[in-house]
PDB file of N, CA and C in Angstrom:
ATOM      1  N   UNK A   1      24.086  -3.257   2.326  1.00  0.00           N
ATOM      2  CA  UNK A   1      23.010  -2.401   1.887  1.00  0.00           C
ATOM      3  C   UNK A   1      23.330  -1.882   0.484  1.00  0.00           C
ATOM      4  N   UNK A   2      22.329  -1.750  -0.322  1.00  0.00           N
ATOM      5  CA  UNK A   2      22.470  -1.325  -1.706  1.00  0.00           C
ATOM      6  C   UNK A   2      22.576   0.199  -1.775  1.00  0.00           C
ATOM      7  N   UNK A   3      23.704   0.715  -2.302  1.00  0.00           N
ATOM      8  CA  UNK A   3      23.931   2.162  -2.388  1.00  0.00           C
ATOM      9  C   UNK A   3      22.949   2.843  -3.333  1.00  0.00           C
ATOM     10  N   UNK A   4      22.398   2.092  -4.298  1.00  0.00           N
ATOM     11  CA  UNK A   4      21.427   2.694  -5.210  1.00  0.00           C
ATOM     12  C   UNK A   4      20.166   3.119  -4.476  1.00  0.00           C
ATOM     13  N   UNK A   5      19.893   2.510  -3.327  1.00  0.00           N
ATOM     14  CA  UNK A   5      18.732   2.883  -2.515  1.00  0.00           C
ATOM     15  C   UNK A   5      19.091   3.971  -1.514  1.00  0.00           C
ATOM     16  N   UNK A   6      20.283   3.906  -0.949  1.00  0.00           N
ATOM     17  CA  UNK A   6      20.674   4.826   0.116  1.00  0.00           C
ATOM     18  C   UNK A   6      20.883   6.246  -0.408  1.00  0.00           C
ATOM     19  N   UNK A   7      21.551   6.389  -1.533  1.00  0.00           N
ATOM     20  CA  UNK A   7      21.887   7.715  -2.058  1.00  0.00           C
ATOM     21  C   UNK A   7      20.635   8.545  -2.354  1.00  0.00           C
ATOM     22  N   UNK A   8      19.612   8.016  -3.061  1.00  0.00           N
ATOM     23  CA  UNK A   8      18.412   8.835  -3.307  1.00  0.00           C
ATOM     24  C   UNK A   8      17.681   9.197  -2.022  1.00  0.00           C
ATOM     25  N   UNK A   9      17.640   8.282  -1.067  1.00  0.00           N
ATOM     26  CA  UNK A   9      16.961   8.593   0.194  1.00  0.00           C
ATOM     27  C   UNK A   9      17.706   9.672   0.958  1.00  0.00           C
ATOM     28  N   UNK A  10      19.014   9.605   0.979  1.00  0.00           N
ATOM     29  CA  UNK A  10      19.817  10.620   1.649  1.00  0.00           C
ATOM     30  C   UNK A  10      19.662  11.970   0.950  1.00  0.00           C
ATOM     31  N   UNK A  11      19.689  11.979  -0.363  1.00  0.00           N
ATOM     32  CA  UNK A  11      19.517  13.226  -1.113  1.00  0.00           C
ATOM     33  C   UNK A  11      18.149  13.838  -0.839  1.00  0.00           C
ATOM     34  N   UNK A  12      17.118  13.006  -0.780  1.00  0.00           N
ATOM     35  CA  UNK A  12      15.768  13.490  -0.482  1.00  0.00           C
ATOM     36  C   UNK A  12      15.709  14.098   0.906  1.00  0.00           C
ATOM     37  N   UNK A  13      16.309  13.429   1.888  1.00  0.00           N
ATOM     38  CA  UNK A  13      16.307  13.941   3.254  1.00  0.00           C
ATOM     39  C   UNK A  13      17.021  15.282   3.343  1.00  0.00           C
ATOM     40  N   UNK A  14      18.131  15.416   2.657  1.00  0.00           N
ATOM     41  CA  UNK A  14      18.878  16.684   2.670  1.00  0.00           C
ATOM     42  C   UNK A  14      18.059  17.795   2.023  1.00  0.00           C
ATOM     43  N   UNK A  15      17.442  17.510   0.880  1.00  0.00           N
ATOM     44  CA  UNK A  15      16.638  18.525   0.199  1.00  0.00           C
ATOM     45  C   UNK A  15      15.422  18.927   1.025  1.00  0.00           C
ATOM     46  N   UNK A  16      14.796  17.971   1.689  1.00  0.00           N
ATOM     47  CA  UNK A  16      13.628  18.271   2.510  1.00  0.00           C
ATOM     48  C   UNK A  16      13.993  19.131   3.718  1.00  0.00           C
ATOM     49  N   UNK A  17      15.208  18.971   4.228  1.00  0.00           N
ATOM     50  CA  UNK A  17      15.613  19.758   5.386  1.00  0.00           C
ATOM     51  C   UNK A  17      15.791  21.234   5.032  1.00  0.00           C
ATOM     52  N   UNK A  18      15.923  21.558   3.757  1.00  0.00           N
ATOM     53  CA  UNK A  18      16.087  22.941   3.323  1.00  0.00           C
ATOM     54  C   UNK A  18      14.750  23.679   3.206  1.00  0.00           C
ATOM     55  N   UNK A  19      13.670  22.952   3.146  1.00  0.00           N
ATOM     56  CA  UNK A  19      12.362  23.564   2.956  1.00  0.00           C
ATOM     57  C   UNK A  19      11.864  24.190   4.254  1.00  0.00           C
ATOM     58  N   UNK A  20      11.194  25.326   4.137  1.00  0.00           N
ATOM     59  CA  UNK A  20      10.596  25.926   5.326  1.00  0.00           C
ATOM     60  C   UNK A  20       9.185  25.374   5.476  1.00  0.00           C
ATOM     61  N   UNK A  21       8.794  25.079   6.697  1.00  0.00           N
ATOM     62  CA  UNK A  21       7.488  24.499   6.951  1.00  0.00           C
ATOM     63  C   UNK A  21       7.083  24.819   8.386  1.00  0.00           C
ATOM     64  N   UNK A  22       5.778  24.788   8.670  1.00  0.00           N
ATOM     65  CA  UNK A  22       5.335  25.038  10.038  1.00  0.00           C
ATOM     66  C   UNK A  22       5.756  23.886  10.947  1.00  0.00           C
ATOM     67  N   UNK A  23       5.849  24.122  12.241  1.00  0.00           N
ATOM     68  CA  UNK A  23       6.218  23.044  13.160  1.00  0.00           C
ATOM     69  C   UNK A  23       5.171  21.932  13.134  1.00  0.00           C
ATOM     70  N   UNK A  24       5.621  20.703  13.341  1.00  0.00           N
ATOM     71  CA  UNK A  24       4.708  19.558  13.280  1.00  0.00           C
ATOM     72  C   UNK A  24       3.594  19.641  14.317  1.00  0.00           C
ATOM     73  N   UNK A  25       3.869  20.242  15.483  1.00  0.00           N
ATOM     74  CA  UNK A  25       2.820  20.304  16.502  1.00  0.00           C
ATOM     75  C   UNK A  25       1.650  21.185  16.068  1.00  0.00           C
ATOM     76  N   UNK A  26       1.812  21.977  15.009  1.00  0.00           N
ATOM     77  CA  UNK A  26       0.702  22.771  14.481  1.00  0.00           C
ATOM     78  C   UNK A  26      -0.387  21.871  13.901  1.00  0.00           C
ATOM     79  N   UNK A  27      -0.024  20.638  13.567  1.00  0.00           N
ATOM     80  CA  UNK A  27      -0.981  19.700  12.981  1.00  0.00           C
ATOM     81  C   UNK A  27      -1.456  18.640  13.973  1.00  0.00           C
ATOM     82  N   UNK A  28      -1.039  18.730  15.223  1.00  0.00           N
ATOM     83  CA  UNK A  28      -1.423  17.736  16.230  1.00  0.00           C
ATOM     84  C   UNK A  28      -2.943  17.699  16.372  1.00  0.00           C
ATOM     85  N   UNK A  29      -3.484  16.506  16.366  1.00  0.00           N
ATOM     86  CA  UNK A  29      -4.916  16.318  16.536  1.00  0.00           C
ATOM     87  C   UNK A  29      -5.732  16.553  15.286  1.00  0.00           C
ATOM     88  N   UNK A  30      -5.104  16.897  14.170  1.00  0.00           N
ATOM     89  CA  UNK A  30      -5.866  17.119  12.942  1.00  0.00           C
ATOM     90  C   UNK A  30      -6.299  15.778  12.357  1.00  0.00           C
ATOM     91  N   UNK A  31      -7.341  15.813  11.566  1.00  0.00           N
ATOM     92  CA  UNK A  31      -7.849  14.592  10.949  1.00  0.00           C
ATOM     93  C   UNK A  31      -7.913  14.797   9.442  1.00  0.00           C
ATOM     94  N   UNK A  32      -7.854  13.783   8.639  1.00  0.00           N
ATOM     95  CA  UNK A  32      -7.590  12.404   9.022  1.00  0.00           C
ATOM     96  C   UNK A  32      -6.112  12.209   9.366  1.00  0.00           C
ATOM     97  N   UNK A  33      -5.844  11.217  10.200  1.00  0.00           N
ATOM     98  CA  UNK A  33      -4.458  10.912  10.580  1.00  0.00           C
ATOM     99  C   UNK A  33      -3.717  10.345   9.363  1.00  0.00           C
ATOM    100  N   UNK A  34      -2.473  10.733   9.206  1.00  0.00           N
ATOM    101  CA  UNK A  34      -1.668  10.241   8.092  1.00  0.00           C
ATOM    102  C   UNK A  34      -1.148   8.855   8.414  1.00  0.00           C
ATOM    103  N   UNK A  35      -1.410   7.898   7.544  1.00  0.00           N
ATOM    104  CA  UNK A  35      -0.936   6.529   7.689  1.00  0.00           C
ATOM    105  C   UNK A  35       0.028   6.254   6.541  1.00  0.00           C
ATOM    106  N   UNK A  36       1.374   6.349   6.799  1.00  0.00           N
ATOM    107  CA  UNK A  36       2.333   6.181   5.706  1.00  0.00           C
ATOM    108  C   UNK A  36       2.279   4.812   5.044  1.00  0.00           C
ATOM    109  N   UNK A  37       1.997   3.753   5.811  1.00  0.00           N
ATOM    110  CA  UNK A  37       1.920   2.414   5.214  1.00  0.00           C
ATOM    111  C   UNK A  37       0.766   2.367   4.215  1.00  0.00           C
ATOM    112  N   UNK A  38      -0.377   2.874   4.610  1.00  0.00           N
ATOM    113  CA  UNK A  38      -1.537   2.886   3.715  1.00  0.00           C
ATOM    114  C   UNK A  38      -1.286   3.795   2.503  1.00  0.00           C
ATOM    115  N   UNK A  39      -0.651   4.949   2.732  1.00  0.00           N
ATOM    116  CA  UNK A  39      -0.406   5.913   1.668  1.00  0.00           C
ATOM    117  C   UNK A  39       0.545   5.370   0.614  1.00  0.00           C
ATOM    118  N   UNK A  40       1.626   4.693   1.033  1.00  0.00           N
ATOM    119  CA  UNK A  40       2.657   4.247   0.100  1.00  0.00           C
ATOM    120  C   UNK A  40       2.471   2.809  -0.384  1.00  0.00           C
ATOM    121  N   UNK A  41       1.446   2.089   0.074  1.00  0.00           N
ATOM    122  CA  UNK A  41       1.197   0.735  -0.421  1.00  0.00           C
ATOM    123  C   UNK A  41       0.605   0.828  -1.825  1.00  0.00           C
ATOM    124  N   UNK A  42       1.173   0.051  -2.736  1.00  0.00           N
ATOM    125  CA  UNK A  42       0.722   0.067  -4.126  1.00  0.00           C
ATOM    126  C   UNK A  42       1.694   0.838  -5.004  1.00  0.00           C
ATOM    127  N   UNK A  43       1.241   1.195  -6.182  1.00  0.00           N
ATOM    128  CA  UNK A  43       2.085   1.876  -7.171  1.00  0.00           C
ATOM    129  C   UNK A  43       1.981   3.388  -6.978  1.00  0.00           C
ATOM    130  N   UNK A  44       3.121   4.050  -6.985  1.00  0.00           N
ATOM    131  CA  UNK A  44       3.192   5.505  -6.883  1.00  0.00           C
ATOM    132  C   UNK A  44       4.117   6.022  -7.971  1.00  0.00           C
ATOM    133  N   UNK A  45       3.701   7.064  -8.631  1.00  0.00           N
ATOM    134  CA  UNK A  45       4.513   7.691  -9.686  1.00  0.00           C
ATOM    135  C   UNK A  45       4.607   9.172  -9.337  1.00  0.00           C
ATOM    136  N   UNK A  46       5.802   9.724  -9.361  1.00  0.00           N
ATOM    137  CA  UNK A  46       5.957  11.130  -9.024  1.00  0.00           C
ATOM    138  C   UNK A  46       7.112  11.746  -9.802  1.00  0.00           C
ATOM    139  N   UNK A  47       7.219  13.049  -9.707  1.00  0.00           N
ATOM    140  CA  UNK A  47       8.330  13.748 -10.329  1.00  0.00           C
ATOM    141  C   UNK A  47       8.670  14.952  -9.465  1.00  0.00           C
ATOM    142  N   UNK A  48       9.889  15.426  -9.642  1.00  0.00           N
ATOM    143  CA  UNK A  48      10.346  16.606  -8.919  1.00  0.00           C
ATOM    144  C   UNK A  48      11.442  17.282  -9.711  1.00  0.00           C
ATOM    145  N   UNK A  49      11.802  18.462  -9.287  1.00  0.00           N
ATOM    146  CA  UNK A  49      12.830  19.239  -9.958  1.00  0.00           C
ATOM    147  C   UNK A  49      14.029  19.353  -9.031  1.00  0.00           C
ATOM    148  N   UNK A  50      15.191  18.965  -9.523  1.00  0.00           N
ATOM    149  CA  UNK A  50      16.411  19.149  -8.757  1.00  0.00           C
ATOM    150  C   UNK A  50      16.959  20.528  -9.091  1.00  0.00           C
ATOM    151  N   UNK A  51      17.321  21.248  -8.028  1.00  0.00           N
ATOM    152  CA  UNK A  51      17.807  22.606  -8.194  1.00  0.00           C
ATOM    153  C   UNK A  51      19.273  22.697  -7.798  1.00  0.00           C
ATOM    154  N   UNK A  52      19.967  23.697  -8.342  1.00  0.00           N
ATOM    155  CA  UNK A  52      21.338  23.939  -7.905  1.00  0.00           C
ATOM    156  C   UNK A  52      21.304  24.741  -6.600  1.00  0.00           C
ATOM    157  N   UNK A  53      22.450  25.097  -6.080  1.00  0.00           N
ATOM    158  CA  UNK A  53      22.526  25.781  -4.787  1.00  0.00           C
ATOM    159  C   UNK A  53      21.825  27.132  -4.776  1.00  0.00           C
ATOM    160  N   UNK A  54      21.699  27.759  -5.919  1.00  0.00           N
ATOM    161  CA  UNK A  54      21.047  29.067  -5.976  1.00  0.00           C
ATOM    162  C   UNK A  54      19.535  28.950  -6.167  1.00  0.00           C
ATOM    163  N   UNK A  55      19.035  27.732  -6.341  1.00  0.00           N
ATOM    164  CA  UNK A  55      17.604  27.525  -6.528  1.00  0.00           C
ATOM    165  C   UNK A  55      17.167  27.454  -7.971  1.00  0.00           C
ATOM    166  N   UNK A  56      18.109  27.517  -8.887  1.00  0.00           N
ATOM    167  CA  UNK A  56      17.771  27.416 -10.306  1.00  0.00           C
ATOM    168  C   UNK A  56      17.539  25.950 -10.678  1.00  0.00           C
ATOM    169  N   UNK A  57      16.471  25.651 -11.411  1.00  0.00           N
ATOM    170  CA  UNK A  57      16.201  24.265 -11.779  1.00  0.00           C
ATOM    171  C   UNK A  57      17.284  23.705 -12.696  1.00  0.00           C
ATOM    172  N   UNK A  58      17.671  22.454 -12.422  1.00  0.00           N
ATOM    173  CA  UNK A  58      18.675  21.793 -13.256  1.00  0.00           C
ATOM    174  C   UNK A  58      18.055  20.710 -14.121  1.00  0.00           C
ATOM    175  N   UNK A  59      17.231  19.839 -13.533  1.00  0.00           N
ATOM    176  CA  UNK A  59      16.588  18.794 -14.317  1.00  0.00           C
ATOM    177  C   UNK A  59      15.424  18.195 -13.530  1.00  0.00           C
ATOM    178  N   UNK A  60      14.613  17.436 -14.246  1.00  0.00           N
ATOM    179  CA  UNK A  60      13.456  16.768 -13.653  1.00  0.00           C
ATOM    180  C   UNK A  60      13.851  15.341 -13.294  1.00  0.00           C
ATOM    181  N   UNK A  61      13.463  14.920 -12.095  1.00  0.00           N
ATOM    182  CA  UNK A  61      13.689  13.559 -11.624  1.00  0.00           C
ATOM    183  C   UNK A  61      12.325  12.879 -11.552  1.00  0.00           C
ATOM    184  N   UNK A  62      12.202  11.706 -12.175  1.00  0.00           N
ATOM    185  CA  UNK A  62      10.947  10.953 -12.180  1.00  0.00           C
ATOM    186  C   UNK A  62      11.132   9.714 -11.316  1.00  0.00           C
ATOM    187  N   UNK A  63      10.146   9.419 -10.460  1.00  0.00           N
ATOM    188  CA  UNK A  63      10.211   8.225  -9.626  1.00  0.00           C
ATOM    189  C   UNK A  63       9.042   7.300  -9.960  1.00  0.00           C
ATOM    190  N   UNK A  64       9.324   6.032  -9.847  1.00  0.00           N
ATOM    191  CA  UNK A  64       8.309   4.997 -10.016  1.00  0.00           C
ATOM    192  C   UNK A  64       8.484   4.048  -8.835  1.00  0.00           C
ATOM    193  N   UNK A  65       7.488   3.960  -7.973  1.00  0.00           N
ATOM    194  CA  UNK A  65       7.626   3.213  -6.718  1.00  0.00           C
ATOM    195  C   UNK A  65       6.559   2.131  -6.601  1.00  0.00           C
ATOM    196  N   UNK A  66       6.923   1.077  -5.880  1.00  0.00           N
ATOM    197  CA  UNK A  66       5.978   0.020  -5.552  1.00  0.00           C
ATOM    198  C   UNK A  66       6.162  -0.320  -4.083  1.00  0.00           C
ATOM    199  N   UNK A  67       5.119  -0.110  -3.300  1.00  0.00           N
ATOM    200  CA  UNK A  67       5.165  -0.369  -1.868  1.00  0.00           C
ATOM    201  C   UNK A  67       4.311  -1.563  -1.496  1.00  0.00           C
ATOM    202  N   UNK A  68       4.833  -2.423  -0.617  1.00  0.00           N
ATOM    203  CA  UNK A  68       4.104  -3.579  -0.117  1.00  0.00           C
ATOM    204  C   UNK A  68       4.100  -3.536   1.408  1.00  0.00           C
ATOM    205  N   UNK A  69       2.907  -3.619   2.006  1.00  0.00           N
ATOM    206  CA  UNK A  69       2.786  -3.632   3.462  1.00  0.00           C
ATOM    207  C   UNK A  69       3.372  -4.934   3.996  1.00  0.00           C
ATOM    208  N   UNK A  70       4.127  -4.809   5.097  1.00  0.00           N
ATOM    209  CA  UNK A  70       4.705  -5.977   5.768  1.00  0.00           C
ATOM    210  C   UNK A  70       4.309  -5.913   7.236  1.00  0.00           C
ATOM    211  N   UNK A  71       3.311  -6.698   7.603  1.00  0.00           N
ATOM    212  CA  UNK A  71       2.826  -6.653   8.973  1.00  0.00           C
ATOM    213  C   UNK A  71       2.000  -5.396   9.191  1.00  0.00           C
ATOM    214  N   UNK A  72       1.636  -5.120  10.449  1.00  0.00           N
ATOM    215  CA  UNK A  72       0.762  -3.976  10.719  1.00  0.00           C
ATOM    216  C   UNK A  72       1.451  -2.615  10.549  1.00  0.00           C
ATOM    217  N   UNK A  73       2.768  -2.552  10.754  1.00  0.00           N
ATOM    218  CA  UNK A  73       3.446  -1.262  10.712  1.00  0.00           C
ATOM    219  C   UNK A  73       4.633  -1.216   9.761  1.00  0.00           C
ATOM    220  N   UNK A  74       4.830  -2.248   8.956  1.00  0.00           N
ATOM    221  CA  UNK A  74       6.005  -2.294   8.087  1.00  0.00           C
ATOM    222  C   UNK A  74       5.665  -1.983   6.647  1.00  0.00           C
ATOM    223  N   UNK A  75       6.674  -1.563   5.925  1.00  0.00           N
ATOM    224  CA  UNK A  75       6.499  -1.244   4.515  1.00  0.00           C
ATOM    225  C   UNK A  75       7.792  -1.562   3.785  1.00  0.00           C
ATOM    226  N   UNK A  76       7.691  -2.299   2.695  1.00  0.00           N
ATOM    227  CA  UNK A  76       8.838  -2.556   1.818  1.00  0.00           C
ATOM    228  C   UNK A  76       8.570  -1.767   0.554  1.00  0.00           C
ATOM    229  N   UNK A  77       9.486  -0.862   0.225  1.00  0.00           N
ATOM    230  CA  UNK A  77       9.263   0.013  -0.913  1.00  0.00           C
ATOM    231  C   UNK A  77      10.441  -0.079  -1.877  1.00  0.00           C
ATOM    232  N   UNK A  78      10.136  -0.291  -3.150  1.00  0.00           N
ATOM    233  CA  UNK A  78      11.138  -0.307  -4.205  1.00  0.00           C
ATOM    234  C   UNK A  78      10.913   0.923  -5.041  1.00  0.00           C
ATOM    235  N   UNK A  79      11.974   1.727  -5.193  1.00  0.00           N
ATOM    236  CA  UNK A  79      11.842   2.990  -5.909  1.00  0.00           C
ATOM    237  C   UNK A  79      12.866   3.045  -7.033  1.00  0.00           C
ATOM    238  N   UNK A  80      12.407   3.407  -8.224  1.00  0.00           N
ATOM    239  CA  UNK A  80      13.266   3.585  -9.389  1.00  0.00           C
ATOM    240  C   UNK A  80      13.258   5.064  -9.757  1.00  0.00           C
ATOM    241  N   UNK A  81      14.449   5.653  -9.839  1.00  0.00           N
ATOM    242  CA  UNK A  81      14.577   7.048 -10.228  1.00  0.00           C
ATOM    243  C   UNK A  81      15.087   7.131 -11.662  1.00  0.00           C
ATOM    244  N   UNK A  82      14.541   8.065 -12.417  1.00  0.00           N
ATOM    245  CA  UNK A  82      15.014   8.304 -13.774  1.00  0.00           C
ATOM    246  C   UNK A  82      15.500   9.740 -13.858  1.00  0.00           C
ATOM    247  N   UNK A  83      16.744   9.877 -14.292  1.00  0.00           N
ATOM    248  CA  UNK A  83      17.354  11.188 -14.446  1.00  0.00           C
ATOM    249  C   UNK A  83      17.449  11.505 -15.941  1.00  0.00           C
ATOM    250  N   UNK A  84      17.684  12.759 -16.302  1.00  0.00           N
ATOM    251  CA  UNK A  84      17.739  13.119 -17.727  1.00  0.00           C
ATOM    252  C   UNK A  84      18.821  12.384 -18.516  1.00  0.00           C
ATOM    253  N   UNK A  85      19.872  11.962 -17.837  1.00  0.00           N
ATOM    254  CA  UNK A  85      20.937  11.248 -18.550  1.00  0.00           C
ATOM    255  C   UNK A  85      20.620   9.763 -18.719  1.00  0.00           C
ATOM    256  N   UNK A  86      19.422   9.358 -18.285  1.00  0.00           N
ATOM    257  CA  UNK A  86      18.980   7.977 -18.467  1.00  0.00           C
ATOM    258  C   UNK A  86      19.374   7.038 -17.349  1.00  0.00           C
ATOM    259  N   UNK A  87      20.028   7.526 -16.305  1.00  0.00           N
ATOM    260  CA  UNK A  87      20.441   6.651 -15.192  1.00  0.00           C
ATOM    261  C   UNK A  87      19.288   6.391 -14.252  1.00  0.00           C
TER     262      UNK A  87
END
């Protein structure tokens, strides 16, 4: 497995776990239903702010993604991250 893909996904999962949010069952039965394959298929461009442990912003992270549907429930996604140091 390519570590360039694993590290950003792991970092995203860790950062998302710190956010406060309502329980998922609060949205049960709401419409329209979220379809991640449909949502992430095609080109996606986004940005976010990485913060230090105290919540102070450190830098902006830019993502450029391309998702391709694979079968009825699969998704192949290629994501490129750009950091301020050019990596």
